[in-house]
C-alpha atoms as a PDB file:
ATOM      1  CA  GLU A   1      29.121  14.664   0.605  1.00  0.00           C
ATOM      2  CA  GLU A   2      28.302  18.248  -0.889  1.00  0.00           C
ATOM      3  CA  ARG A   3      31.933  18.967  -1.767  1.00  0.00           C
ATOM      4  CA  ALA A   4      32.217  15.488  -3.660  1.00  0.00           C
ATOM      5  CA  CYS A   5      28.926  16.527  -5.440  1.00  0.00           C
ATOM      6  CA  LEU A   6      30.295  19.812  -6.261  1.00  0.00           C
ATOM      7  CA  SER A   7      33.759  18.651  -7.598  1.00  0.00           C
ATOM      8  CA  SER A   8      31.988  15.684  -9.487  1.00  0.00           C
ATOM      9  CA  GLY A   9      30.108  18.109 -12.052  1.00  0.00           C
ATOM     10  CA  VAL A  10      27.106  16.277 -11.833  1.00  0.00           C
ATOM     11  CA  VAL A  11      24.817  19.326 -11.350  1.00  0.00           C
ATOM     12  CA  HIS A  12      25.138  21.629 -14.345  1.00  0.00           C
ATOM     13  CA  GLU A  13      24.226  25.514 -14.391  1.00  0.00           C
ATOM     14  CA  SER A  14      21.565  26.813 -16.472  1.00  0.00           C
ATOM     15  CA  SER A  15      18.656  29.390 -16.802  1.00  0.00           C
ATOM     16  CA  PHE A  16      16.976  27.138 -14.281  1.00  0.00           C
ATOM     17  CA  VAL A  17      19.656  25.804 -11.988  1.00  0.00           C
ATOM     18  CA  GLU A  18      21.680  28.705 -10.721  1.00  0.00           C
ATOM     19  CA  LEU A  19      24.752  28.369  -8.469  1.00  0.00           C
ATOM     20  CA  ARG A  20      24.197  30.667  -5.316  1.00  0.00           C
ATOM     21  CA  SER A  21      26.638  32.088  -2.620  1.00  0.00           C
ATOM     22  CA  THR A  22      27.409  30.049   0.537  1.00  0.00           C
ATOM     23  CA  LEU A  23      24.473  29.659   3.031  1.00  0.00           C
ATOM     24  CA  GLY A  24      25.622  30.017   6.854  1.00  0.00           C
ATOM     25  CA  GLY A  25      27.324  32.240   9.345  1.00  0.00           C
ATOM     26  CA  PRO A  26      27.580  32.012  13.077  1.00  0.00           C
ATOM     27  CA  THR A  27      25.121  29.099  13.099  1.00  0.00           C
ATOM     28  CA  VAL A  28      24.929  25.271  12.312  1.00  0.00           C
ATOM     29  CA  CYS A  29      22.658  25.842   9.278  1.00  0.00           C
ATOM     30  CA  GLY A  30      23.991  26.433   5.726  1.00  0.00           C
ATOM     31  CA  ALA A  31      25.485  24.976   2.517  1.00  0.00           C
ATOM     32  CA  ILE A  32      28.871  25.454   0.844  1.00  0.00           C
ATOM     33  CA  ARG A  33      27.534  26.229  -2.525  1.00  0.00           C
ATOM     34  CA  PRO A  34      23.527  25.924  -2.782  1.00  0.00           C
ATOM     35  CA  PHE A  35      21.630  26.306  -5.989  1.00  0.00           C
ATOM     36  CA  SER A  36      18.360  27.762  -7.021  1.00  0.00           C
ATOM     37  CA  VAL A  37      16.159  25.440  -8.900  1.00  0.00           C
ATOM     38  CA  SER A  38      13.278  26.996 -10.727  1.00  0.00           C
ATOM     39  CA  ALA A  39      12.813  23.723 -12.960  1.00  0.00           C
ATOM     40  CA  ALA A  40      13.386  20.249 -13.402  1.00  0.00           C
ATOM     41  CA  ALA A  41      13.381  17.457 -16.040  1.00  0.00           C
ATOM     42  CA  ASN A  42      15.599  19.825 -18.549  1.00  0.00           C
ATOM     43  CA  GLY A  43      13.457  22.848 -17.871  1.00  0.00           C
ATOM     44  CA  SER A  44      10.014  21.248 -18.456  1.00  0.00           C
ATOM     45  CA  VAL A  45       8.720  21.084 -14.961  1.00  0.00           C
ATOM     46  CA  GLN A  46       8.573  24.394 -12.990  1.00  0.00           C
ATOM     47  CA  LEU A  47       9.235  24.674  -9.320  1.00  0.00           C
ATOM     48  CA  ARG A  48       7.420  27.579  -7.857  1.00  0.00           C
ATOM     49  CA  PRO A  49       8.912  29.399  -5.972  1.00  0.00           C
ATOM     50  CA  ALA A  50      12.097  28.299  -6.609  1.00  0.00           C
ATOM     51  CA  ALA A  51      13.795  26.073  -4.091  1.00  0.00           C
ATOM     52  CA  LEU A  52      17.369  26.333  -2.570  1.00  0.00           C
ATOM     53  CA  LEU A  53      19.239  23.306  -2.456  1.00  0.00           C
ATOM     54  CA  ARG A  54      22.626  21.663  -1.771  1.00  0.00           C
ATOM     55  CA  CYS A  55      24.361  20.012  -4.597  1.00  0.00           C
ATOM     56  CA  PRO A  56      23.186  16.243  -3.902  1.00  0.00           C
ATOM     57  CA  MET A  57      19.395  17.326  -3.531  1.00  0.00           C
ATOM     58  CA  VAL A  58      19.492  18.783  -7.169  1.00  0.00           C
ATOM     59  CA  PRO A  59      19.743  15.514  -9.086  1.00  0.00           C
ATOM     60  CA  ALA A  60      17.527  13.577  -6.505  1.00  0.00           C
ATOM     61  CA  VAL A  61      14.830  16.037  -7.221  1.00  0.00           C
ATOM     62  CA  ASP A  62      15.304  15.736 -11.091  1.00  0.00           C
ATOM     63  CA  HIS A  63      15.405  12.126 -11.103  1.00  0.00           C
ATOM     64  CA  TRP A  64      12.351  12.188  -9.118  1.00  0.00           C
ATOM     65  CA  VAL A  65      10.195  14.430 -11.379  1.00  0.00           C
ATOM     66  CA  GLU A  66      11.438  12.326 -14.250  1.00  0.00           C
ATOM     67  CA  ARG A  67      11.314   8.830 -12.911  1.00  0.00           C
ATOM     68  CA  VAL A  68       8.343   9.148 -10.419  1.00  0.00           C
ATOM     69  CA  VAL A  69       6.173  12.439 -10.746  1.00  0.00           C
ATOM     70  CA  MET A  70       5.770  12.499 -14.697  1.00  0.00           C
ATOM     71  CA  PRO A  71       5.084   9.020 -15.299  1.00  0.00           C
ATOM     72  CA  ALA A  72       2.363   8.827 -12.452  1.00  0.00           C
ATOM     73  CA  ALA A  73       0.759  11.843 -13.942  1.00  0.00           C
ATOM     74  CA  ARG A  74       0.656  10.418 -17.346  1.00  0.00           C
ATOM     75  CA  ARG A  75      -0.698   6.978 -16.038  1.00  0.00           C
ATOM     76  CA  HIS A  76      -3.225   8.580 -13.764  1.00  0.00           C
ATOM     77  CA  PHE A  77      -4.481  11.750 -15.694  1.00  0.00           C
ATOM     78  CA  ARG A  78      -2.946  11.080 -19.322  1.00  0.00           C
ATOM     79  CA  VAL A  79      -1.558  14.727 -19.131  1.00  0.00           C
ATOM     80  CA  GLN A  80       2.041  16.035 -18.692  1.00  0.00           C
ATOM     81  CA  LEU A  81       3.211  17.342 -15.356  1.00  0.00           C
ATOM     82  CA  VAL A  82       4.068  21.163 -15.750  1.00  0.00           C
ATOM     83  CA  GLU A  83       4.973  22.476 -12.086  1.00  0.00           C
ATOM     84  CA  LEU A  84       5.379  21.302  -8.654  1.00  0.00           C
ATOM     85  CA  LYS A  85       4.230  23.775  -5.745  1.00  0.00           C
ATOM     86  CA  ILE A  86       7.142  23.949  -3.209  1.00  0.00           C
ATOM     87  CA  ALA A  87       6.251  24.408   0.149  1.00  0.00           C
ATOM     88  CA  GLY A  88       9.682  24.703   1.500  1.00  0.00           C
ATOM     89  CA  SER A  89      13.564  24.348   0.977  1.00  0.00           C
ATOM     90  CA  TYR A  90      16.278  25.895   2.625  1.00  0.00           C
ATOM     91  CA  SER A  91      15.345  27.132   6.263  1.00  0.00           C
ATOM     92  CA  CYS A  92      17.646  27.472   9.330  1.00  0.00           C
ATOM     93  CA  ARG A  93      15.066  26.057  11.807  1.00  0.00           C
ATOM     94  CA  PRO A  94      14.441  22.769  14.020  1.00  0.00           C
ATOM     95  CA  MET A  95      12.690  19.864  12.981  1.00  0.00           C
ATOM     96  CA  ASN A  96       8.697  20.613  13.031  1.00  0.00           C
ATOM     97  CA  ASN A  97       9.648  24.292  14.163  1.00  0.00           C
ATOM     98  CA  VAL A  98       9.846  23.197  17.689  1.00  0.00           C
ATOM     99  CA  ASP A  99      12.212  24.607  20.230  1.00  0.00           C
ATOM    100  CA  GLY A 100      15.005  22.273  21.401  1.00  0.00           C
ATOM    101  CA  ALA A 101      14.384  19.720  18.561  1.00  0.00           C
ATOM    102  CA  PHE A 102      17.239  18.623  16.016  1.00  0.00           C
ATOM    103  CA  LEU A 103      18.288  20.842  13.285  1.00  0.00           C
ATOM    104  CA  SER A 104      15.885  19.875  10.100  1.00  0.00           C
ATOM    105  CA  GLU A 105      17.281  19.062   7.036  1.00  0.00           C
ATOM    106  CA  HIS A 106      15.821  22.099   5.769  1.00  0.00           C
ATOM    107  CA  GLY A 107      18.574  23.838   7.670  1.00  0.00           C
ATOM    108  CA  HIS A 108      21.311  22.433   5.545  1.00  0.00           C
ATOM    109  CA  ALA A 109      19.171  23.032   2.033  1.00  0.00           C
ATOM    110  CA  ASN A 110      18.986  19.121   2.318  1.00  0.00           C
ATOM    111  CA  ALA A 111      15.358  19.078   2.340  1.00  0.00           C
ATOM    112  CA  ILE A 112      12.300  20.092  -0.130  1.00  0.00           C
ATOM    113  CA  ASP A 113       8.503  20.092   0.716  1.00  0.00           C
ATOM    114  CA  VAL A 114       6.108  19.535  -2.135  1.00  0.00           C
ATOM    115  CA  SER A 115       2.458  20.544  -1.612  1.00  0.00           C
ATOM    116  CA  GLY A 116       0.992  20.221  -4.959  1.00  0.00           C
ATOM    117  CA  PHE A 117       1.412  19.262  -8.517  1.00  0.00           C
ATOM    118  CA  VAL A 118       0.118  21.326 -11.599  1.00  0.00           C
ATOM    119  CA  LEU A 119      -0.773  19.336 -14.906  1.00  0.00           C
ATOM    120  CA  ALA A 120      -0.928  20.522 -18.444  1.00  0.00           C
ATOM    121  CA  ASP A 121      -4.919  20.568 -18.468  1.00  0.00           C
ATOM    122  CA  GLY A 122      -4.782  23.393 -15.826  1.00  0.00           C
ATOM    123  CA  ARG A 123      -5.706  20.786 -12.805  1.00  0.00           C
ATOM    124  CA  THR A 124      -3.681  21.247  -9.691  1.00  0.00           C
ATOM    125  CA  VAL A 125      -3.402  18.329  -7.403  1.00  0.00           C
ATOM    126  CA  GLN A 126      -2.992  19.425  -3.708  1.00  0.00           C
ATOM    127  CA  VAL A 127      -1.522  16.987  -1.427  1.00  0.00           C
ATOM    128  CA  LYS A 128      -3.737  18.319   1.396  1.00  0.00           C
ATOM    129  CA  THR A 129      -7.095  17.742  -0.366  1.00  0.00           C
ATOM    130  CA  GLY A 130      -6.008  14.874  -3.035  1.00  0.00           C
ATOM    131  CA  TRP A 131      -4.590  12.375  -0.311  1.00  0.00           C
ATOM    132  CA  TRP A 132      -8.222  11.442   0.671  1.00  0.00           C
ATOM    133  CA  GLY A 133      -9.922  13.026  -2.692  1.00  0.00           C
ATOM    134  CA  ALA A 134     -10.841  11.426  -5.843  1.00  0.00           C
ATOM    135  CA  PHE A 135      -9.931   8.091  -7.071  1.00  0.00           C
ATOM    136  CA  ALA A 136      -7.383   9.448  -9.658  1.00  0.00           C
ATOM    137  CA  GLU A 137      -5.780  12.069  -7.341  1.00  0.00           C
ATOM    138  CA  ARG A 138      -5.403   9.329  -4.276  1.00  0.00           C
ATOM    139  CA  GLY A 139      -3.744   6.986  -6.924  1.00  0.00           C
ATOM    140  CA  PHE A 140      -1.314   9.726  -8.128  1.00  0.00           C
ATOM    141  CA  LEU A 141      -0.230  10.713  -4.751  1.00  0.00           C
ATOM    142  CA  ARG A 142       0.351   7.496  -3.416  1.00  0.00           C
ATOM    143  CA  ASP A 143       2.217   6.437  -6.473  1.00  0.00           C
ATOM    144  CA  VAL A 144       4.302   9.511  -6.020  1.00  0.00           C
ATOM    145  CA  HIS A 145       4.916   8.815  -2.259  1.00  0.00           C
ATOM    146  CA  ARG A 146       5.824   5.169  -2.704  1.00  0.00           C
ATOM    147  CA  GLY A 147       8.027   6.041  -5.679  1.00  0.00           C
ATOM    148  CA  SER A 148       9.891   8.733  -3.696  1.00  0.00           C
ATOM    149  CA  CYS A 149      10.981   6.385  -1.153  1.00  0.00           C
ATOM    150  CA  ALA A 150      13.143   4.496  -3.704  1.00  0.00           C
ATOM    151  CA  LEU A 151      15.243   7.920  -4.156  1.00  0.00           C
ATOM    152  CA  PHE A 152      15.255  10.002  -1.022  1.00  0.00           C
ATOM    153  CA  THR A 153      16.541   8.616   2.307  1.00  0.00           C
ATOM    154  CA  THR A 154      13.593  10.379   4.179  1.00  0.00           C
ATOM    155  CA  VAL A 155      10.019  10.717   2.733  1.00  0.00           C
ATOM    156  CA  LEU A 156       7.060  11.811   5.008  1.00  0.00           C
ATOM    157  CA  GLY A 157       3.477  12.407   3.686  1.00  0.00           C
ATOM    158  CA  PRO A 158      -0.076  12.854   5.315  1.00  0.00           C
ATOM    159  CA  ASN A 159       0.040   9.604   6.959  1.00  0.00           C
ATOM    160  CA  TYR A 160       3.257  10.381   9.240  1.00  0.00           C
ATOM    161  CA  ASP A 161       1.685  13.493  11.179  1.00  0.00           C
ATOM    162  CA  ALA A 162      -0.477  16.767  11.164  1.00  0.00           C
ATOM    163  CA  ASN A 163       2.532  18.503  10.413  1.00  0.00           C
ATOM    164  CA  HIS A 164       3.106  16.835   6.898  1.00  0.00           C
ATOM    165  CA  ARG A 165      -0.466  16.798   6.273  1.00  0.00           C
ATOM    166  CA  ASP A 166      -0.570  19.219   3.252  1.00  0.00           C
ATOM    167  CA  HIS A 167       2.753  18.130   1.746  1.00  0.00           C
ATOM    168  CA  PHE A 168       5.514  15.662   0.902  1.00  0.00           C
ATOM    169  CA  HIS A 169       8.859  16.082   2.806  1.00  0.00           C
ATOM    170  CA  LEU A 170      11.768  14.675   0.831  1.00  0.00           C
ATOM    171  CA  ASP A 171      15.278  14.665   1.914  1.00  0.00           C
ATOM    172  CA  LEU A 172      18.726  12.803   1.942  1.00  0.00           C
ATOM    173  CA  ALA A 173      19.586  12.788   5.530  1.00  0.00           C
ATOM    174  CA  ARG A 174      21.935  10.052   6.923  1.00  0.00           C
ATOM    175  CA  HIS A 175      20.005   7.859   9.364  1.00  0.00           C
ATOM    176  CA  GLY A 176      21.322   5.030  11.467  1.00  0.00           C
ATOM    177  CA  ARG A 177      24.680   4.125  12.484  1.00  0.00           C
ATOM    178  CA  ASP A 178      26.006   3.533   9.144  1.00  0.00           C
ATOM    179  CA  GLY A 179      24.045   6.448   7.672  1.00  0.00           C
ATOM    180  CA  ALA A 180      22.030   3.745   5.370  1.00  0.00           C
ATOM    181  CA  ASN A 181      18.680   3.317   6.700  1.00  0.00           C
ATOM    182  CA  THR A 182      15.654   5.012   5.488  1.00  0.00           C
ATOM    183  CA  ILE A 183      12.325   6.581   6.518  1.00  0.00           C
ATOM    184  CA  CYS A 184       9.312   6.238   4.457  1.00  0.00           C
ATOM    185  CA  LYS A 185       5.992   7.344   6.075  1.00  0.00           C
END
């Protein structure tokens, strides 16, 4: 999947999408040629800090920002989205940092955690406080969560468990025997 993405040319290097050296080593973690992504939507939405992602995640995040998050920001707040607050991307660790658990998709640079959204008027909508916050924030975050499920195979948010109360976890893991199942919680 990663090799096919890399050879397809679907990801183009730019000042905000930079190819990095191979991640890996003597462990099961890693990615062949990850990208450091510091912005999406043709550079108009910053990712802070930059996310280290494998090739298939780059267009998925870009499409998500353009097709889900930006329209939701305009709909609920009538302003543009300018930044995503990134809580995590590549990290060689087990799921939920629990010893003995399966390897997290973060260990393959196949996941991103987003904790907040910065709007052009200076407002920041945090997942932790906005999920049960003001009407517009709740609506925005629920629209983003719902829309995420059409683009990612795993979407976990505050209603899933305490580990996800402050961010959205988005990944492209393969679920089920044929790899076609999705998880949206």
